[in-house]
Amino acid sequence: MKRLSALRVPRPFKRRKLLWTGATLSVVLAALPVADRVAASAAEERLADQIAGQQKSVVGTPEVSIDAFPFLLSSAEGTFPEVAVRADAVTGEGRPVQASLELHEVSEKGDGYTAASADARFTVPLSSLGDGLGEGTSLSADDGRLRIDRQIFGLQLTIHAELRLSGRTISMVPVAASFAGSRIDPSSPRITEAFKDRERTVPELPVGLAPTRVAVTDDGVVLYASAKDVRLT
């Protein structure tokens, strides 16, 4: 019995070994999120550069956020549940656009990426849409409609219009009007004439996106679009 007792490892040594192992494990676990975030940031930058190079209308570098934690595991599997992209752009007419794109089930394939589907929002500020409406005309959002105000001989003309999407064409349809505080017919010849050329055709959208609806918000006119089987090369 005395020999066996003599061969036992002293308890203080065991405690020191356990403490050292625990400290080492803690350092490794603490470093994992940092390494994960660094790898995710590098992937976000690569994707941002790829989008900026592909879309000539983009101004500056897009902001990319990959929703995957742990990123390294998702990267090893080759699929990310969701990737969000935000970018500033300009239309062919020089109007500023804020673009927001969400890619779902994104996979890295060779030199590019694929996504099972995508949803996008393109927002144009109301302040950039007053061309051709006359000096002193102001635009605002009012309960989902576009409100147009203008002074005529010191009297207030107000027209409420709905934006309607048909295929790739957006039309502006007057639905209510008033002049000097009195209601007038929004389908009167003079109002109809003023709005007959207000149709706009949606230009070709990136990554095969197709328009789904249009809305008027406090941020501006928002065009929604979606696509399936998206490829970024």
C-alpha atoms as a PDB file:
ATOM      1  CA  MET A   1       0.000   0.000   0.000  1.00  0.00           C
ATOM      2  CA  LYS A   2       2.865   2.370   0.741  1.00  0.00           C
ATOM      3  CA  ARG A   3       4.357   1.833  -2.782  1.00  0.00           C
ATOM      4  CA  LEU A   4       1.067   2.619  -4.505  1.00  0.00           C
ATOM      5  CA  SER A   5       0.693   5.760  -2.422  1.00  0.00           C
ATOM      6  CA  ALA A   6       4.196   6.821  -3.354  1.00  0.00           C
ATOM      7  CA  LEU A   7       3.388   6.568  -7.120  1.00  0.00           C
ATOM      8  CA  ARG A   8       0.318   8.814  -6.971  1.00  0.00           C
ATOM      9  CA  VAL A   9       0.653  12.251  -8.635  1.00  0.00           C
ATOM     10  CA  PRO A  10       0.447  15.033  -6.063  1.00  0.00           C
ATOM     11  CA  ARG A  11      -2.864  16.852  -6.148  1.00  0.00           C
ATOM     12  CA  PRO A  12      -1.344  20.347  -6.510  1.00  0.00           C
ATOM     13  CA  PHE A  13       0.270  19.241  -9.797  1.00  0.00           C
ATOM     14  CA  LYS A  14      -3.065  17.957 -11.093  1.00  0.00           C
ATOM     15  CA  ARG A  15      -4.738  21.239 -10.253  1.00  0.00           C
ATOM     16  CA  ARG A  16      -2.014  23.223 -12.046  1.00  0.00           C
ATOM     17  CA  LYS A  17      -2.339  21.001 -15.123  1.00  0.00           C
ATOM     18  CA  LEU A  18      -6.119  21.436 -15.207  1.00  0.00           C
ATOM     19  CA  LEU A  19      -5.770  25.210 -14.782  1.00  0.00           C
ATOM     20  CA  TRP A  20      -3.250  25.398 -17.631  1.00  0.00           C
ATOM     21  CA  THR A  21      -5.457  23.290 -19.911  1.00  0.00           C
ATOM     22  CA  GLY A  22      -8.482  25.416 -19.062  1.00  0.00           C
ATOM     23  CA  ALA A  23      -6.584  28.655 -19.698  1.00  0.00           C
ATOM     24  CA  THR A  24      -5.311  27.399 -23.062  1.00  0.00           C
ATOM     25  CA  LEU A  25      -8.805  26.314 -24.096  1.00  0.00           C
ATOM     26  CA  SER A  26     -10.215  29.700 -23.082  1.00  0.00           C
ATOM     27  CA  VAL A  27      -7.653  31.526 -25.247  1.00  0.00           C
ATOM     28  CA  VAL A  28      -8.467  29.321 -28.238  1.00  0.00           C
ATOM     29  CA  LEU A  29     -12.234  29.791 -27.803  1.00  0.00           C
ATOM     30  CA  ALA A  30     -11.790  33.549 -27.420  1.00  0.00           C
ATOM     31  CA  ALA A  31      -9.729  33.713 -30.612  1.00  0.00           C
ATOM     32  CA  LEU A  32     -12.226  31.756 -32.726  1.00  0.00           C
ATOM     33  CA  PRO A  33     -14.821  34.560 -33.109  1.00  0.00           C
ATOM     34  CA  VAL A  34     -12.038  36.998 -34.073  1.00  0.00           C
ATOM     35  CA  ALA A  35     -10.670  34.651 -36.736  1.00  0.00           C
ATOM     36  CA  ASP A  36     -14.214  33.950 -37.904  1.00  0.00           C
ATOM     37  CA  ARG A  37     -14.960  37.682 -38.295  1.00  0.00           C
ATOM     38  CA  VAL A  38     -11.669  38.303 -40.132  1.00  0.00           C
ATOM     39  CA  ALA A  39     -12.466  35.530 -42.622  1.00  0.00           C
ATOM     40  CA  ALA A  40     -16.017  36.846 -43.075  1.00  0.00           C
ATOM     41  CA  SER A  41     -14.739  40.398 -43.677  1.00  0.00           C
ATOM     42  CA  ALA A  42     -12.332  39.166 -46.336  1.00  0.00           C
ATOM     43  CA  ALA A  43     -15.151  37.315 -48.115  1.00  0.00           C
ATOM     44  CA  GLU A  44     -17.404  40.399 -47.883  1.00  0.00           C
ATOM     45  CA  GLU A  45     -14.705  42.554 -49.485  1.00  0.00           C
ATOM     46  CA  ARG A  46     -14.217  40.059 -52.340  1.00  0.00           C
ATOM     47  CA  LEU A  47     -17.937  39.978 -53.041  1.00  0.00           C
ATOM     48  CA  ALA A  48     -18.209  43.784 -52.842  1.00  0.00           C
ATOM     49  CA  ASP A  49     -15.383  44.201 -55.370  1.00  0.00           C
ATOM     50  CA  GLN A  50     -17.030  41.672 -57.654  1.00  0.00           C
ATOM     51  CA  ILE A  51     -20.387  43.496 -57.564  1.00  0.00           C
ATOM     52  CA  ALA A  52     -18.771  46.914 -58.076  1.00  0.00           C
ATOM     53  CA  GLY A  53     -16.847  45.607 -61.088  1.00  0.00           C
ATOM     54  CA  GLN A  54     -19.951  44.031 -62.618  1.00  0.00           C
ATOM     55  CA  GLN A  55     -22.401  46.920 -62.120  1.00  0.00           C
ATOM     56  CA  LYS A  56     -21.192  50.132 -63.777  1.00  0.00           C
ATOM     57  CA  SER A  57     -24.018  52.201 -62.253  1.00  0.00           C
ATOM     58  CA  VAL A  58     -22.741  51.556 -58.709  1.00  0.00           C
ATOM     59  CA  VAL A  59     -21.117  54.562 -57.032  1.00  0.00           C
ATOM     60  CA  GLY A  60     -18.305  53.681 -54.634  1.00  0.00           C
ATOM     61  CA  THR A  61     -17.927  50.288 -52.976  1.00  0.00           C
ATOM     62  CA  PRO A  62     -21.047  48.319 -51.966  1.00  0.00           C
ATOM     63  CA  GLU A  63     -21.569  47.307 -48.344  1.00  0.00           C
ATOM     64  CA  VAL A  64     -21.772  43.519 -48.013  1.00  0.00           C
ATOM     65  CA  SER A  65     -22.838  41.584 -44.913  1.00  0.00           C
ATOM     66  CA  ILE A  66     -22.699  37.785 -44.763  1.00  0.00           C
ATOM     67  CA  ASP A  67     -25.137  36.274 -42.288  1.00  0.00           C
ATOM     68  CA  ALA A  68     -23.307  33.100 -41.293  1.00  0.00           C
ATOM     69  CA  PHE A  69     -21.921  32.126 -37.895  1.00  0.00           C
ATOM     70  CA  PRO A  70     -19.669  30.361 -37.553  1.00  0.00           C
ATOM     71  CA  PHE A  71     -18.541  31.731 -40.931  1.00  0.00           C
ATOM     72  CA  LEU A  72     -15.641  29.289 -41.249  1.00  0.00           C
ATOM     73  CA  LEU A  73     -18.013  26.323 -40.982  1.00  0.00           C
ATOM     74  CA  SER A  74     -20.401  27.779 -43.563  1.00  0.00           C
ATOM     75  CA  SER A  75     -17.434  28.570 -45.815  1.00  0.00           C
ATOM     76  CA  ALA A  76     -16.186  24.992 -45.526  1.00  0.00           C
ATOM     77  CA  GLU A  77     -19.654  23.764 -46.474  1.00  0.00           C
ATOM     78  CA  GLY A  78     -19.681  26.211 -49.398  1.00  0.00           C
ATOM     79  CA  THR A  79     -23.060  27.831 -48.572  1.00  0.00           C
ATOM     80  CA  PHE A  80     -24.162  30.985 -46.738  1.00  0.00           C
ATOM     81  CA  PRO A  81     -27.817  31.313 -45.639  1.00  0.00           C
ATOM     82  CA  GLU A  82     -28.069  35.015 -46.525  1.00  0.00           C
ATOM     83  CA  VAL A  83     -25.944  37.804 -47.937  1.00  0.00           C
ATOM     84  CA  ALA A  84     -27.104  41.437 -47.756  1.00  0.00           C
ATOM     85  CA  VAL A  85     -25.788  44.064 -50.154  1.00  0.00           C
ATOM     86  CA  ARG A  86     -26.328  47.818 -50.028  1.00  0.00           C
ATOM     87  CA  ALA A  87     -25.067  50.180 -52.710  1.00  0.00           C
ATOM     88  CA  ASP A  88     -25.487  53.707 -54.028  1.00  0.00           C
ATOM     89  CA  ALA A  89     -26.051  54.017 -57.758  1.00  0.00           C
ATOM     90  CA  VAL A  90     -27.301  56.388 -60.452  1.00  0.00           C
ATOM     91  CA  THR A  91     -29.887  55.846 -63.177  1.00  0.00           C
ATOM     92  CA  GLY A  92     -29.275  56.544 -66.848  1.00  0.00           C
ATOM     93  CA  GLU A  93     -31.014  59.894 -66.269  1.00  0.00           C
ATOM     94  CA  GLY A  94     -28.605  60.754 -63.461  1.00  0.00           C
ATOM     95  CA  ARG A  95     -31.035  60.194 -60.587  1.00  0.00           C
ATOM     96  CA  PRO A  96     -29.556  58.826 -57.344  1.00  0.00           C
ATOM     97  CA  VAL A  97     -30.694  55.355 -56.269  1.00  0.00           C
ATOM     98  CA  GLN A  98     -30.219  53.440 -53.041  1.00  0.00           C
ATOM     99  CA  ALA A  99     -30.120  49.733 -53.809  1.00  0.00           C
ATOM    100  CA  SER A 100     -30.650  47.000 -51.235  1.00  0.00           C
ATOM    101  CA  LEU A 101     -30.228  43.360 -52.257  1.00  0.00           C
ATOM    102  CA  GLU A 102     -30.730  40.198 -50.212  1.00  0.00           C
ATOM    103  CA  LEU A 103     -29.314  36.970 -51.621  1.00  0.00           C
ATOM    104  CA  HIS A 104     -30.570  33.671 -50.194  1.00  0.00           C
ATOM    105  CA  GLU A 105     -28.695  30.359 -50.025  1.00  0.00           C
ATOM    106  CA  VAL A 106     -25.494  31.708 -51.533  1.00  0.00           C
ATOM    107  CA  SER A 107     -22.802  29.314 -52.754  1.00  0.00           C
ATOM    108  CA  GLU A 108     -19.297  30.011 -54.005  1.00  0.00           C
ATOM    109  CA  LYS A 109     -18.773  28.419 -57.405  1.00  0.00           C
ATOM    110  CA  GLY A 110     -15.387  28.782 -59.044  1.00  0.00           C
ATOM    111  CA  ASP A 111     -14.682  32.475 -59.616  1.00  0.00           C
ATOM    112  CA  GLY A 112     -18.235  33.565 -58.779  1.00  0.00           C
ATOM    113  CA  TYR A 113     -21.249  33.061 -56.566  1.00  0.00           C
ATOM    114  CA  THR A 114     -24.735  31.656 -57.070  1.00  0.00           C
ATOM    115  CA  ALA A 115     -27.905  32.245 -55.044  1.00  0.00           C
ATOM    116  CA  ALA A 116     -31.149  30.306 -54.951  1.00  0.00           C
ATOM    117  CA  SER A 117     -33.121  33.569 -54.939  1.00  0.00           C
ATOM    118  CA  ALA A 118     -32.813  37.312 -54.457  1.00  0.00           C
ATOM    119  CA  ASP A 119     -35.033  40.167 -53.256  1.00  0.00           C
ATOM    120  CA  ALA A 120     -34.214  43.807 -53.942  1.00  0.00           C
ATOM    121  CA  ARG A 121     -35.397  47.335 -53.220  1.00  0.00           C
ATOM    122  CA  PHE A 122     -34.427  50.359 -55.303  1.00  0.00           C
ATOM    123  CA  THR A 123     -35.261  53.710 -53.704  1.00  0.00           C
ATOM    124  CA  VAL A 124     -35.286  56.985 -55.632  1.00  0.00           C
ATOM    125  CA  PRO A 125     -35.637  60.173 -53.510  1.00  0.00           C
ATOM    126  CA  LEU A 126     -38.799  62.188 -54.177  1.00  0.00           C
ATOM    127  CA  SER A 127     -36.714  65.319 -54.575  1.00  0.00           C
ATOM    128  CA  SER A 128     -35.221  63.923 -57.807  1.00  0.00           C
ATOM    129  CA  LEU A 129     -38.592  63.207 -59.483  1.00  0.00           C
ATOM    130  CA  GLY A 130     -39.956  66.713 -60.030  1.00  0.00           C
ATOM    131  CA  ASP A 131     -38.598  67.166 -63.575  1.00  0.00           C
ATOM    132  CA  GLY A 132     -41.206  68.619 -65.918  1.00  0.00           C
ATOM    133  CA  LEU A 133     -43.763  69.374 -63.199  1.00  0.00           C
ATOM    134  CA  GLY A 134     -43.126  73.098 -63.195  1.00  0.00           C
ATOM    135  CA  GLU A 135     -41.207  75.487 -60.976  1.00  0.00           C
ATOM    136  CA  GLY A 136     -42.280  75.553 -57.340  1.00  0.00           C
ATOM    137  CA  THR A 137     -43.743  72.041 -57.451  1.00  0.00           C
ATOM    138  CA  SER A 138     -43.136  69.888 -54.374  1.00  0.00           C
ATOM    139  CA  LEU A 139     -43.526  66.135 -53.978  1.00  0.00           C
ATOM    140  CA  SER A 140     -44.270  64.202 -50.797  1.00  0.00           C
ATOM    141  CA  ALA A 141     -45.649  60.860 -49.631  1.00  0.00           C
ATOM    142  CA  ASP A 142     -49.217  60.833 -48.326  1.00  0.00           C
ATOM    143  CA  ASP A 143     -50.749  57.542 -47.177  1.00  0.00           C
ATOM    144  CA  GLY A 144     -48.985  55.498 -49.860  1.00  0.00           C
ATOM    145  CA  ARG A 145     -49.738  57.987 -52.629  1.00  0.00           C
ATOM    146  CA  LEU A 146     -47.659  60.656 -54.287  1.00  0.00           C
ATOM    147  CA  ARG A 147     -48.777  64.157 -53.300  1.00  0.00           C
ATOM    148  CA  ILE A 148     -48.012  66.950 -55.731  1.00  0.00           C
ATOM    149  CA  ASP A 149     -48.382  70.579 -54.560  1.00  0.00           C
ATOM    150  CA  ARG A 150     -48.057  73.667 -56.725  1.00  0.00           C
ATOM    151  CA  GLN A 151     -48.924  77.337 -56.435  1.00  0.00           C
ATOM    152  CA  ILE A 152     -50.931  78.816 -59.330  1.00  0.00           C
ATOM    153  CA  PHE A 153     -51.568  82.572 -59.099  1.00  0.00           C
ATOM    154  CA  GLY A 154     -51.113  82.295 -55.352  1.00  0.00           C
ATOM    155  CA  LEU A 155     -53.660  79.474 -55.032  1.00  0.00           C
ATOM    156  CA  GLN A 156     -52.831  75.930 -53.946  1.00  0.00           C
ATOM    157  CA  LEU A 157     -53.233  73.051 -56.407  1.00  0.00           C
ATOM    158  CA  THR A 158     -52.900  69.596 -54.815  1.00  0.00           C
ATOM    159  CA  ILE A 159     -53.008  66.319 -56.711  1.00  0.00           C
ATOM    160  CA  HIS A 160     -52.758  62.828 -55.247  1.00  0.00           C
ATOM    161  CA  ALA A 161     -51.509  60.163 -57.657  1.00  0.00           C
ATOM    162  CA  GLU A 162     -51.014  56.428 -57.437  1.00  0.00           C
ATOM    163  CA  LEU A 163     -47.997  54.735 -58.940  1.00  0.00           C
ATOM    164  CA  ARG A 164     -48.938  51.545 -60.758  1.00  0.00           C
ATOM    165  CA  LEU A 165     -46.669  48.853 -62.152  1.00  0.00           C
ATOM    166  CA  SER A 166     -47.564  46.865 -65.251  1.00  0.00           C
ATOM    167  CA  GLY A 167     -44.778  44.614 -66.442  1.00  0.00           C
ATOM    168  CA  ARG A 168     -41.818  46.980 -66.616  1.00  0.00           C
ATOM    169  CA  THR A 169     -43.881  50.175 -66.970  1.00  0.00           C
ATOM    170  CA  ILE A 170     -44.628  52.532 -64.071  1.00  0.00           C
ATOM    171  CA  SER A 171     -47.524  54.923 -64.591  1.00  0.00           C
ATOM    172  CA  MET A 172     -48.655  57.863 -62.461  1.00  0.00           C
ATOM    173  CA  VAL A 173     -52.469  57.988 -62.167  1.00  0.00           C
ATOM    174  CA  PRO A 174     -54.208  61.012 -60.537  1.00  0.00           C
ATOM    175  CA  VAL A 175     -56.900  59.822 -58.111  1.00  0.00           C
ATOM    176  CA  ALA A 176     -57.768  63.012 -56.167  1.00  0.00           C
ATOM    177  CA  ALA A 177     -57.298  66.749 -56.675  1.00  0.00           C
ATOM    178  CA  SER A 178     -58.166  70.081 -55.120  1.00  0.00           C
ATOM    179  CA  PHE A 179     -57.703  73.722 -56.070  1.00  0.00           C
ATOM    180  CA  ALA A 180     -57.898  76.576 -53.579  1.00  0.00           C
ATOM    181  CA  GLY A 181     -59.322  74.141 -51.044  1.00  0.00           C
ATOM    182  CA  SER A 182     -62.139  72.876 -53.306  1.00  0.00           C
ATOM    183  CA  ARG A 183     -62.244  69.399 -54.795  1.00  0.00           C
ATOM    184  CA  ILE A 184     -61.884  69.059 -58.539  1.00  0.00           C
ATOM    185  CA  ASP A 185     -62.139  66.102 -60.900  1.00  0.00           C
ATOM    186  CA  PRO A 186     -58.718  64.355 -61.150  1.00  0.00           C
ATOM    187  CA  SER A 187     -59.709  63.035 -64.586  1.00  0.00           C
ATOM    188  CA  SER A 188     -60.326  66.520 -66.000  1.00  0.00           C
ATOM    189  CA  PRO A 189     -58.700  67.136 -69.417  1.00  0.00           C
ATOM    190  CA  ARG A 190     -56.060  69.552 -68.068  1.00  0.00           C
ATOM    191  CA  ILE A 191     -54.884  67.146 -65.340  1.00  0.00           C
ATOM    192  CA  THR A 192     -54.998  64.173 -67.699  1.00  0.00           C
ATOM    193  CA  GLU A 193     -52.912  66.098 -70.232  1.00  0.00           C
ATOM    194  CA  ALA A 194     -50.338  66.989 -67.573  1.00  0.00           C
ATOM    195  CA  PHE A 195     -49.879  63.326 -66.612  1.00  0.00           C
ATOM    196  CA  LYS A 196     -50.078  61.580 -69.986  1.00  0.00           C
ATOM    197  CA  ASP A 197     -46.300  61.511 -70.476  1.00  0.00           C
ATOM    198  CA  ARG A 198     -45.398  60.524 -66.925  1.00  0.00           C
ATOM    199  CA  GLU A 199     -44.947  56.811 -67.691  1.00  0.00           C
ATOM    200  CA  ARG A 200     -41.503  55.360 -67.081  1.00  0.00           C
ATOM    201  CA  THR A 201     -40.020  52.068 -68.266  1.00  0.00           C
ATOM    202  CA  VAL A 202     -37.924  50.231 -65.687  1.00  0.00           C
ATOM    203  CA  PRO A 203     -34.438  49.674 -67.147  1.00  0.00           C
ATOM    204  CA  GLU A 204     -32.761  46.298 -67.158  1.00  0.00           C
ATOM    205  CA  LEU A 205     -32.085  45.365 -63.543  1.00  0.00           C
ATOM    206  CA  PRO A 206     -28.948  43.542 -62.329  1.00  0.00           C
ATOM    207  CA  VAL A 207     -28.655  39.761 -61.811  1.00  0.00           C
ATOM    208  CA  GLY A 208     -31.895  39.044 -63.685  1.00  0.00           C
ATOM    209  CA  LEU A 209     -34.175  40.849 -61.210  1.00  0.00           C
ATOM    210  CA  ALA A 210     -37.766  41.432 -62.337  1.00  0.00           C
ATOM    211  CA  PRO A 211     -39.998  44.233 -60.922  1.00  0.00           C
ATOM    212  CA  THR A 212     -42.781  43.004 -58.616  1.00  0.00           C
ATOM    213  CA  ARG A 213     -44.345  46.190 -57.209  1.00  0.00           C
ATOM    214  CA  VAL A 214     -43.821  49.901 -56.629  1.00  0.00           C
ATOM    215  CA  ALA A 215     -44.588  51.970 -53.532  1.00  0.00           C
ATOM    216  CA  VAL A 216     -44.412  55.573 -52.326  1.00  0.00           C
ATOM    217  CA  THR A 217     -42.766  56.030 -48.927  1.00  0.00           C
ATOM    218  CA  ASP A 218     -41.254  58.894 -46.934  1.00  0.00           C
ATOM    219  CA  ASP A 219     -37.846  57.768 -48.217  1.00  0.00           C
ATOM    220  CA  GLY A 220     -38.937  58.011 -51.846  1.00  0.00           C
ATOM    221  CA  VAL A 221     -40.365  55.849 -54.601  1.00  0.00           C
ATOM    222  CA  VAL A 222     -39.423  52.228 -53.948  1.00  0.00           C
ATOM    223  CA  LEU A 223     -39.284  49.599 -56.661  1.00  0.00           C
ATOM    224  CA  TYR A 224     -39.326  46.002 -55.418  1.00  0.00           C
ATOM    225  CA  ALA A 225     -37.861  43.188 -57.493  1.00  0.00           C
ATOM    226  CA  SER A 226     -37.004  39.503 -57.189  1.00  0.00           C
ATOM    227  CA  ALA A 227     -35.159  36.771 -59.032  1.00  0.00           C
ATOM    228  CA  LYS A 228     -34.360  33.072 -58.820  1.00  0.00           C
ATOM    229  CA  ASP A 229     -31.193  31.142 -59.690  1.00  0.00           C
ATOM    230  CA  VAL A 230     -28.960  34.211 -59.491  1.00  0.00           C
ATOM    231  CA  ARG A 231     -25.341  34.113 -60.621  1.00  0.00           C
ATOM    232  CA  LEU A 232     -22.626  36.653 -59.846  1.00  0.00           C
ATOM    233  CA  THR A 233     -19.518  36.241 -61.965  1.00  0.00           C
END
